[in-house]
Amino acid sequence: MPNPYPDPIPPGPDPTPGPTPGPDPQPHPVPTPEPPPAPGPTPLPPPPPPSPGPRPTPEPSPSPIPPGPEPVPNPEPGPPLT
C-alpha cells in the first residue's frame, strides 16, 4: 500500500546565529558589613532629685480691707426723657 503522506519537508538552511555574547560581567563584590561597635559600660541612671526641704510657714493673712466711706445717695430722679 502506498504511503498516504507526502515526503516530509526538507530542512531549511541553518538559522543565522545571534550576536556573540560578550564576556561574563564581573561579579559585584559583596560589601562586608562592619561589625557593630562593642557596647561600652552601661551608664548609670541619673540620681534622684534632692528632696525638698520643709515648706516655709505661710505668712498670716493680712487683715481684711477696711470698709470705704458711706456711699453717696443718688439725687432725686429728674423728669422722664422724651
C-alpha atoms as a PDB file:
ATOM      1  CA  MET A   1       0.000   0.000   0.000  1.00  0.00           C
ATOM      2  CA  PRO A   2       1.423   3.360  -0.924  1.00  0.00           C
ATOM      3  CA  ASN A   3       2.297   5.938   1.766  1.00  0.00           C
ATOM      4  CA  PRO A   4      -0.669   8.323   2.030  1.00  0.00           C
ATOM      5  CA  TYR A   5       1.533  11.098   3.448  1.00  0.00           C
ATOM      6  CA  PRO A   6       3.849  13.085   1.197  1.00  0.00           C
ATOM      7  CA  ASP A   7       7.531  13.244   1.872  1.00  0.00           C
ATOM      8  CA  PRO A   8       8.468  15.410   4.846  1.00  0.00           C
ATOM      9  CA  ILE A   9       9.573  18.984   4.125  1.00  0.00           C
ATOM     10  CA  PRO A  10      13.319  19.086   3.796  1.00  0.00           C
ATOM     11  CA  PRO A  11      15.051  21.129   6.481  1.00  0.00           C
ATOM     12  CA  GLY A  12      15.875  24.732   5.566  1.00  0.00           C
ATOM     13  CA  PRO A  13      19.223  26.438   5.952  1.00  0.00           C
ATOM     14  CA  ASP A  14      20.692  26.814   9.426  1.00  0.00           C
ATOM     15  CA  PRO A  15      19.276  29.849  11.208  1.00  0.00           C
ATOM     16  CA  THR A  16      21.518  32.881  11.396  1.00  0.00           C
ATOM     17  CA  PRO A  17      23.355  32.817  14.693  1.00  0.00           C
ATOM     18  CA  GLY A  18      22.598  35.698  17.044  1.00  0.00           C
ATOM     19  CA  PRO A  19      25.177  38.154  18.317  1.00  0.00           C
ATOM     20  CA  THR A  20      28.046  36.633  20.180  1.00  0.00           C
ATOM     21  CA  PRO A  21      27.657  37.035  23.879  1.00  0.00           C
ATOM     22  CA  GLY A  22      30.200  39.336  25.464  1.00  0.00           C
ATOM     23  CA  PRO A  23      32.462  38.425  28.318  1.00  0.00           C
ATOM     24  CA  ASP A  24      30.864  37.468  31.587  1.00  0.00           C
ATOM     25  CA  PRO A  25      30.252  40.556  33.688  1.00  0.00           C
ATOM     26  CA  GLN A  26      32.436  40.871  36.714  1.00  0.00           C
ATOM     27  CA  PRO A  27      30.507  39.943  39.813  1.00  0.00           C
ATOM     28  CA  HIS A  28      29.987  42.834  42.184  1.00  0.00           C
ATOM     29  CA  PRO A  29      31.910  42.333  45.387  1.00  0.00           C
ATOM     30  CA  VAL A  30      29.551  41.891  48.297  1.00  0.00           C
ATOM     31  CA  PRO A  31      30.405  44.562  50.875  1.00  0.00           C
ATOM     32  CA  THR A  32      31.279  43.100  54.207  1.00  0.00           C
ATOM     33  CA  PRO A  33      29.057  44.622  56.855  1.00  0.00           C
ATOM     34  CA  GLU A  34      31.035  46.339  59.554  1.00  0.00           C
ATOM     35  CA  PRO A  35      30.632  44.743  62.944  1.00  0.00           C
ATOM     36  CA  PRO A  36      28.585  46.799  65.386  1.00  0.00           C
ATOM     37  CA  PRO A  37      30.646  48.760  67.878  1.00  0.00           C
ATOM     38  CA  ALA A  38      31.317  46.987  71.113  1.00  0.00           C
ATOM     39  CA  PRO A  39      28.910  48.112  73.796  1.00  0.00           C
ATOM     40  CA  GLY A  40      30.514  50.330  76.372  1.00  0.00           C
ATOM     41  CA  PRO A  41      29.722  50.349  80.063  1.00  0.00           C
ATOM     42  CA  THR A  42      26.060  50.871  80.803  1.00  0.00           C
ATOM     43  CA  PRO A  43      25.560  54.439  82.003  1.00  0.00           C
ATOM     44  CA  LEU A  44      24.177  54.766  85.495  1.00  0.00           C
ATOM     45  CA  PRO A  45      20.701  56.225  85.834  1.00  0.00           C
ATOM     46  CA  PRO A  46      20.653  59.855  86.935  1.00  0.00           C
ATOM     47  CA  PRO A  47      20.450  60.330  90.699  1.00  0.00           C
ATOM     48  CA  PRO A  48      17.015  61.179  92.073  1.00  0.00           C
ATOM     49  CA  PRO A  49      16.359  64.875  92.611  1.00  0.00           C
ATOM     50  CA  PRO A  50      17.083  66.070  96.124  1.00  0.00           C
ATOM     51  CA  SER A  51      14.050  66.029  98.365  1.00  0.00           C
ATOM     52  CA  PRO A  52      12.659  69.479  99.032  1.00  0.00           C
ATOM     53  CA  GLY A  53      13.245  70.834 102.495  1.00  0.00           C
ATOM     54  CA  PRO A  54      10.456  71.713 104.903  1.00  0.00           C
ATOM     55  CA  ARG A  55       7.887  74.006 103.408  1.00  0.00           C
ATOM     56  CA  PRO A  56       8.113  77.599 104.571  1.00  0.00           C
ATOM     57  CA  THR A  57       5.477  78.641 107.040  1.00  0.00           C
ATOM     58  CA  PRO A  58       2.789  80.554 105.180  1.00  0.00           C
ATOM     59  CA  GLU A  59       2.557  84.193 106.108  1.00  0.00           C
ATOM     60  CA  PRO A  60      -0.508  85.133 108.137  1.00  0.00           C
ATOM     61  CA  SER A  61      -3.349  86.504 106.075  1.00  0.00           C
ATOM     62  CA  PRO A  62      -3.435  90.292 106.053  1.00  0.00           C
ATOM     63  CA  SER A  63      -6.297  91.942 107.888  1.00  0.00           C
ATOM     64  CA  PRO A  64      -9.429  92.370 105.780  1.00  0.00           C
ATOM     65  CA  ILE A  65      -9.744  95.575 103.775  1.00  0.00           C
ATOM     66  CA  PRO A  66     -11.432  98.242 105.869  1.00  0.00           C
ATOM     67  CA  PRO A  67     -14.769  99.417 104.520  1.00  0.00           C
ATOM     68  CA  GLY A  68     -14.756 102.624 102.489  1.00  0.00           C
ATOM     69  CA  PRO A  69     -16.808 105.760 103.182  1.00  0.00           C
ATOM     70  CA  GLU A  70     -20.564 105.571 103.133  1.00  0.00           C
ATOM     71  CA  PRO A  71     -21.976 105.646  99.596  1.00  0.00           C
ATOM     72  CA  VAL A  72     -23.476 108.944  98.489  1.00  0.00           C
ATOM     73  CA  PRO A  73     -27.230 108.560  97.865  1.00  0.00           C
ATOM     74  CA  ASN A  74     -28.470 109.230  94.339  1.00  0.00           C
ATOM     75  CA  PRO A  75     -30.055 112.624  93.737  1.00  0.00           C
ATOM     76  CA  GLU A  76     -33.764 112.829  93.093  1.00  0.00           C
ATOM     77  CA  PRO A  77     -34.660 111.447  89.667  1.00  0.00           C
ATOM     78  CA  GLY A  78     -35.246 114.102  87.001  1.00  0.00           C
ATOM     79  CA  PRO A  79     -38.129 114.322  84.578  1.00  0.00           C
ATOM     80  CA  PRO A  80     -38.503 111.355  82.228  1.00  0.00           C
ATOM     81  CA  LEU A  81     -36.726 111.653  78.915  1.00  0.00           C
ATOM     82  CA  THR A  82     -38.928 112.071  75.910  1.00  0.00           C
END
